[in-house]
Amino acid sequence: KNNPGTLVEIPKMFTDPAFLQQRLQKVTDPIVRNFWLKEWQQTTGSTKSDMLGYVVSKVGRFIENEMMRNIIGQSRSGFDLAKIMNGKKIFLANLSKGLTGEVNSSLLGLILVSKMQMAAMKRALVSEDERKDFYLYIDEFQNFTTDSIATILSEARKYRLNLVMAHQYIPQLTDQIKNAVLGNVGTIGSFRIGAEDAEFLEKQFEPGFSRFDLVNLDNFSLIIKMMLNNKVSTPFKLGTAVPKKGRPEIVEAIKKISKLKYGRPKETVEQEIIQRSFAEPAPVAVKT
């Protein structure tokens, strides 16, 4: 706990016996210890090579990327998501594939959504009256969720974690995720969509609106069906406000303040990773 590891050290656990023994001194979980001391030690030949190759290929793609290595290679987080949720703070994460890459974007999104879910579940220890609403907005949510989205949608509501999820078209979703979402969401809305999606979503807005209405919506307009006081409303048409022009100087000022408050110098992070991953381990005392 005083010196937690990270994903960056995983390959070294499989390839450096001295490093492994050093880390095992701090492991108390009997199942984890059993794997390393018995199962892994007894694995030999091609089986061991295959397992090592699998682990390195899965983890290597992240730790070989400098940006990802500096994110997942920090042993402690610079912020507490539970405090953000309970303190009604705003947390923004730009996970654009163009900035991070598709695989990296997906991993970071999955981690953040999972940590939000865990932070919400901890509210079970808090009385319902003290649980504060927190709204989690996920754009292109199909990239950051798994088939367990049904659990998140059904369980998070009672812990006052409210999800607002958006995506572009139905074929982006697997059947499991599609069914989980449509079976659990309270409110569903659609901006102008294509003919195929309109045919699928038409049943959500009948009889007041048809597929023709869905494909011919004006800009900034949508058709929506809401959950109000535990009852589904009649679908209706809604106009949204035209986005206001932003102020880039304010954005940059907020980023700078956020870095100073929650961030750490890149050089410091990189040095810590090098020390943990490549420094010679301390000698392990062996009792005879």
Protein backbone atom coordinates (compact mmCIF):
# COMPACT_ATOMS: atom_id res chain seq x y z
CA LYS A 1 0.00 0.00 0.00
CA ASN A 2 2.91 2.35 0.70
CA ASN A 3 4.48 1.54 -2.66
CA PRO A 4 1.69 0.42 -5.01
CA GLY A 5 2.49 -0.98 -8.42
CA THR A 6 1.00 -0.10 -11.79
CA LEU A 7 0.22 -1.73 -15.11
CA VAL A 8 3.66 -0.70 -16.34
CA GLU A 9 5.36 -3.25 -14.08
CA ILE A 10 3.25 -6.23 -15.20
CA PRO A 11 5.61 -7.48 -17.96
CA LYS A 12 8.55 -7.25 -15.55
CA MET A 13 6.69 -9.52 -13.12
CA PHE A 14 6.76 -12.23 -15.78
CA THR A 15 10.33 -11.73 -16.96
CA ASP A 16 12.39 -10.74 -13.90
CA PRO A 17 12.43 -13.34 -11.06
CA ALA A 18 14.19 -10.99 -8.63
CA PHE A 19 11.64 -8.23 -9.24
CA LEU A 20 8.82 -10.76 -8.80
CA GLN A 21 10.18 -11.99 -5.47
CA GLN A 22 10.53 -8.42 -4.23
CA ARG A 23 6.92 -7.67 -5.09
CA LEU A 24 5.62 -10.91 -3.61
CA GLN A 25 6.90 -9.85 -0.20
CA LYS A 26 4.16 -7.23 -0.17
CA VAL A 27 1.36 -9.51 -1.45
CA THR A 28 -1.01 -10.88 1.19
CA ASP A 29 -3.88 -12.17 -0.96
CA PRO A 30 -3.60 -16.00 -0.85
CA ILE A 31 -5.04 -16.52 -4.34
CA VAL A 32 -2.60 -14.08 -5.92
CA ARG A 33 0.32 -15.61 -4.04
CA ASN A 34 -0.76 -19.10 -5.07
CA PHE A 35 -0.72 -18.11 -8.75
CA TRP A 36 2.79 -16.70 -8.64
CA LEU A 37 4.36 -19.22 -6.26
CA LYS A 38 2.75 -22.37 -7.62
CA GLU A 39 0.93 -22.05 -10.95
CA TRP A 40 3.44 -19.72 -12.62
CA GLN A 41 6.48 -21.51 -11.22
CA GLN A 42 5.18 -24.87 -12.46
CA THR A 43 4.38 -23.56 -15.93
CA THR A 44 7.15 -24.39 -18.38
CA GLY A 45 8.06 -24.63 -22.06
CA SER A 46 5.73 -23.44 -24.79
CA THR A 47 2.84 -22.87 -22.36
CA LYS A 48 4.90 -20.34 -20.42
CA SER A 49 6.10 -18.68 -23.62
CA ASP A 50 2.54 -18.42 -24.95
CA MET A 51 1.30 -16.91 -21.69
CA LEU A 52 4.16 -14.43 -21.59
CA GLY A 53 3.60 -13.46 -25.22
CA TYR A 54 -0.10 -12.90 -24.58
CA VAL A 55 0.49 -10.68 -21.54
CA VAL A 56 3.23 -8.63 -23.20
CA SER A 57 1.18 -8.12 -26.37
CA LYS A 58 -1.87 -6.98 -24.42
CA VAL A 59 -0.11 -4.68 -21.97
CA GLY A 60 2.80 -3.70 -24.21
CA ARG A 61 0.68 -1.64 -26.59
CA PHE A 62 -0.16 0.70 -23.71
CA ILE A 63 3.17 0.98 -21.92
CA GLU A 64 5.10 1.47 -25.16
CA ASN A 65 3.05 4.61 -25.83
CA GLU A 66 4.61 7.53 -23.94
CA MET A 67 1.36 9.31 -23.18
CA MET A 68 -0.37 6.15 -21.92
CA ARG A 69 2.67 5.04 -19.94
CA ASN A 70 2.75 8.34 -18.08
CA ILE A 71 -0.97 8.05 -17.28
CA ILE A 72 -1.29 4.43 -16.19
CA GLY A 73 2.24 4.35 -14.78
CA GLN A 74 1.44 6.64 -11.84
CA SER A 75 1.00 4.72 -8.60
CA ARG A 76 -1.46 7.25 -7.15
CA SER A 77 -4.21 9.27 -8.79
CA GLY A 78 -4.06 13.04 -8.73
CA PHE A 79 -7.79 13.30 -8.08
CA ASP A 80 -10.53 11.40 -6.26
CA LEU A 81 -13.63 10.65 -8.36
CA ALA A 82 -15.75 10.05 -5.25
CA LYS A 83 -14.91 13.55 -4.01
CA ILE A 84 -15.69 14.95 -7.44
CA MET A 85 -19.10 13.26 -7.43
CA ASN A 86 -20.02 14.10 -3.85
CA GLY A 87 -18.63 17.62 -4.08
CA LYS A 88 -20.61 18.43 -7.24
CA LYS A 89 -17.43 19.21 -9.15
CA ILE A 90 -16.99 19.13 -12.93
CA PHE A 91 -14.68 16.56 -14.51
CA LEU A 92 -13.92 16.73 -18.24
CA ALA A 93 -11.97 14.10 -20.18
CA ASN A 94 -11.15 14.58 -23.85
CA LEU A 95 -10.81 11.04 -25.19
CA SER A 96 -10.77 11.94 -28.87
CA LYS A 97 -9.34 9.07 -30.92
CA GLY A 98 -7.39 11.63 -32.92
CA LEU A 99 -5.51 12.69 -29.78
CA THR A 100 -5.04 9.36 -28.01
CA GLY A 101 -5.59 6.64 -30.61
CA GLU A 102 -8.58 4.31 -30.78
CA VAL A 103 -7.35 1.59 -28.40
CA ASN A 104 -5.98 4.07 -25.84
CA SER A 105 -9.16 6.12 -25.94
CA SER A 106 -11.26 3.02 -25.31
CA LEU A 107 -9.11 1.83 -22.39
CA LEU A 108 -9.09 5.20 -20.63
CA GLY A 109 -12.84 5.55 -21.13
CA LEU A 110 -13.52 2.07 -19.75
CA ILE A 111 -11.35 2.82 -16.71
CA LEU A 112 -13.09 6.13 -16.01
CA VAL A 113 -16.60 4.71 -16.41
CA SER A 114 -15.74 1.77 -14.15
CA LYS A 115 -14.26 4.05 -11.50
CA MET A 116 -17.34 6.27 -11.66
CA GLN A 117 -19.51 3.19 -11.16
CA MET A 118 -17.43 2.03 -8.18
CA ALA A 119 -17.55 5.51 -6.63
CA ALA A 120 -21.33 5.49 -7.02
CA MET A 121 -21.65 2.03 -5.44
CA LYS A 122 -19.77 3.27 -2.37
CA ARG A 123 -22.74 5.51 -1.72
CA ALA A 124 -24.45 2.42 -0.32
CA LEU A 125 -22.72 3.44 2.94
CA VAL A 126 -24.43 6.83 2.82
CA SER A 127 -28.11 7.41 3.60
CA GLU A 128 -30.30 8.06 0.55
CA ASP A 129 -31.04 11.61 1.71
CA GLU A 130 -27.34 12.47 1.61
CA ARG A 131 -26.67 11.10 -1.88
CA LYS A 132 -26.21 13.96 -4.33
CA ASP A 133 -27.12 13.73 -7.99
CA PHE A 134 -24.16 13.42 -10.31
CA TYR A 135 -24.53 13.47 -14.09
CA LEU A 136 -22.15 11.45 -16.24
CA TYR A 137 -22.23 12.46 -19.91
CA ILE A 138 -20.66 9.97 -22.32
CA ASP A 139 -20.38 10.86 -26.00
CA GLU A 140 -19.91 7.90 -28.36
CA PHE A 141 -20.69 5.72 -25.35
CA GLN A 142 -20.37 2.47 -27.31
CA ASN A 143 -16.59 2.96 -27.21
CA PHE A 144 -16.46 3.07 -23.41
CA THR A 145 -18.96 0.48 -22.26
CA THR A 146 -19.23 -3.29 -22.25
CA ASP A 147 -22.12 -5.70 -21.99
CA SER A 148 -22.23 -4.84 -18.27
CA ILE A 149 -23.85 -1.50 -19.17
CA ALA A 150 -27.18 -3.04 -18.12
CA THR A 151 -25.85 -3.38 -14.57
CA ILE A 152 -24.62 0.20 -14.54
CA LEU A 153 -27.93 1.55 -15.82
CA SER A 154 -30.08 -0.47 -13.43
CA GLU A 155 -27.89 -0.10 -10.32
CA ALA A 156 -26.48 3.42 -10.66
CA ARG A 157 -29.89 5.09 -10.57
CA LYS A 158 -30.48 4.33 -6.89
CA TYR A 159 -27.07 5.77 -6.05
CA ARG A 160 -27.94 9.00 -7.88
CA LEU A 161 -25.48 8.48 -10.72
CA ASN A 162 -27.39 9.71 -13.75
CA LEU A 163 -26.10 8.72 -17.18
CA VAL A 164 -26.61 10.77 -20.34
CA MET A 165 -25.29 8.74 -23.27
CA ALA A 166 -25.06 9.71 -26.93
CA HIS A 167 -24.03 7.99 -30.14
CA GLN A 168 -24.60 8.42 -33.87
CA TYR A 169 -26.35 5.37 -35.28
CA ILE A 170 -27.80 2.01 -34.18
CA PRO A 171 -25.38 -0.39 -35.97
CA GLN A 172 -22.60 0.96 -33.71
CA LEU A 173 -24.14 -1.06 -30.86
CA THR A 174 -23.95 -4.79 -30.31
CA ASP A 175 -27.30 -6.48 -29.79
CA GLN A 176 -26.54 -6.97 -26.08
CA ILE A 177 -25.67 -3.34 -25.47
CA LYS A 178 -28.58 -2.13 -27.60
CA ASN A 179 -31.07 -4.27 -25.67
CA ALA A 180 -29.51 -3.32 -22.34
CA VAL A 181 -29.77 0.38 -23.08
CA LEU A 182 -33.30 0.37 -24.47
CA GLY A 183 -34.44 -1.87 -21.63
CA ASN A 184 -33.09 0.34 -18.86
CA VAL A 185 -33.03 4.00 -19.89
CA GLY A 186 -35.74 6.30 -18.62
CA THR A 187 -35.48 8.98 -21.31
CA ILE A 188 -34.70 8.53 -25.00
CA GLY A 189 -34.38 11.25 -27.61
CA SER A 190 -33.46 11.37 -31.28
CA PHE A 191 -32.13 14.15 -33.45
CA ARG A 192 -32.36 13.78 -37.25
CA ILE A 193 -31.30 10.26 -38.23
CA GLY A 194 -31.06 8.04 -41.29
CA ALA A 195 -33.81 5.85 -42.72
CA GLU A 196 -32.50 2.58 -41.21
CA ASP A 197 -32.27 4.00 -37.70
CA ALA A 198 -35.64 5.71 -38.09
CA GLU A 199 -37.25 2.38 -38.92
CA PHE A 200 -35.80 0.87 -35.74
CA LEU A 201 -36.61 3.80 -33.42
CA GLU A 202 -40.05 4.55 -34.80
CA LYS A 203 -41.67 2.23 -32.27
CA GLN A 204 -40.19 4.30 -29.43
CA PHE A 205 -42.16 7.39 -30.47
CA GLU A 206 -45.40 5.96 -31.87
CA PRO A 207 -48.15 6.90 -32.43
CA GLY A 208 -47.37 10.61 -32.29
CA PHE A 209 -44.36 10.46 -34.58
CA SER A 210 -43.33 8.31 -37.54
CA ARG A 211 -40.03 7.42 -39.19
CA PHE A 212 -40.74 10.23 -41.65
CA ASP A 213 -40.66 12.73 -38.77
CA LEU A 214 -37.36 11.33 -37.50
CA VAL A 215 -35.54 11.71 -40.82
CA ASN A 216 -36.89 15.22 -41.44
CA LEU A 217 -36.14 16.97 -38.17
CA ASP A 218 -34.69 20.49 -38.35
CA ASN A 219 -31.26 21.33 -36.97
CA PHE A 220 -31.20 21.59 -33.16
CA SER A 221 -34.55 19.77 -32.91
CA LEU A 222 -35.28 16.34 -31.49
CA ILE A 223 -38.13 14.04 -30.61
CA ILE A 224 -38.01 12.87 -27.02
CA LYS A 225 -39.80 10.55 -24.62
CA MET A 226 -39.12 11.15 -20.93
CA MET A 227 -39.51 9.36 -17.62
CA LEU A 228 -41.35 11.75 -15.30
CA ASN A 229 -42.30 10.71 -11.76
CA ASN A 230 -41.74 7.06 -12.71
CA LYS A 231 -44.13 7.36 -15.65
CA VAL A 232 -43.26 7.50 -19.35
CA SER A 233 -44.40 10.73 -20.98
CA THR A 234 -46.06 11.08 -24.35
CA PRO A 235 -43.31 11.70 -26.96
CA PHE A 236 -42.96 15.35 -27.96
CA LYS A 237 -40.81 17.57 -30.14
CA LEU A 238 -38.18 19.73 -28.49
CA GLY A 239 -35.97 22.55 -29.72
CA THR A 240 -32.47 22.93 -28.25
CA ALA A 241 -30.56 26.17 -27.83
CA VAL A 242 -28.02 27.10 -30.48
CA PRO A 243 -24.54 26.60 -28.94
CA LYS A 244 -22.96 29.83 -27.75
CA LYS A 245 -19.59 30.90 -29.06
CA GLY A 246 -16.88 29.76 -26.67
CA ARG A 247 -14.00 31.75 -25.20
CA PRO A 248 -10.70 29.91 -25.82
CA GLU A 249 -8.81 32.07 -23.32
CA ILE A 250 -11.05 30.83 -20.49
CA VAL A 251 -10.57 27.24 -21.58
CA GLU A 252 -6.79 27.64 -21.49
CA ALA A 253 -6.92 29.33 -18.09
CA ILE A 254 -8.99 26.48 -16.63
CA LYS A 255 -6.60 23.90 -18.09
CA LYS A 256 -3.62 25.69 -16.57
CA ILE A 257 -5.23 25.89 -13.12
CA SER A 258 -6.25 22.23 -13.32
CA LYS A 259 -2.70 21.15 -14.21
CA LEU A 260 -1.27 23.11 -11.29
CA LYS A 261 -3.80 21.71 -8.81
CA TYR A 262 -4.09 18.08 -9.91
CA GLY A 263 -1.21 17.39 -12.27
CA ARG A 264 2.44 16.52 -11.78
CA PRO A 265 5.50 17.42 -13.87
CA LYS A 266 6.03 14.96 -16.70
CA GLU A 267 9.70 14.58 -15.82
CA THR A 268 8.86 13.55 -12.24
CA VAL A 269 6.39 10.91 -13.42
CA GLU A 270 8.85 9.49 -15.95
CA GLN A 271 11.62 9.32 -13.36
CA GLU A 272 9.39 7.41 -10.93
CA ILE A 273 8.44 4.91 -13.63
CA ILE A 274 12.09 4.33 -14.49
CA GLN A 275 13.00 3.84 -10.84
CA ARG A 276 10.20 1.32 -10.26
CA SER A 277 10.61 -0.57 -13.50
CA PHE A 278 14.33 -0.62 -14.18
CA ALA A 279 16.13 -0.13 -10.88
CA GLU A 280 17.83 -3.18 -9.44
CA PRO A 281 15.61 -4.74 -6.75
CA ALA A 282 16.82 -4.88 -3.18
CA PRO A 283 18.22 -8.26 -2.11
CA VAL A 284 15.58 -10.66 -0.82
CA ALA A 285 16.41 -12.21 2.54
CA VAL A 286 16.23 -15.99 2.43
CA LYS A 287 15.72 -17.95 5.63
CA THR A 288 17.55 -21.26 5.94
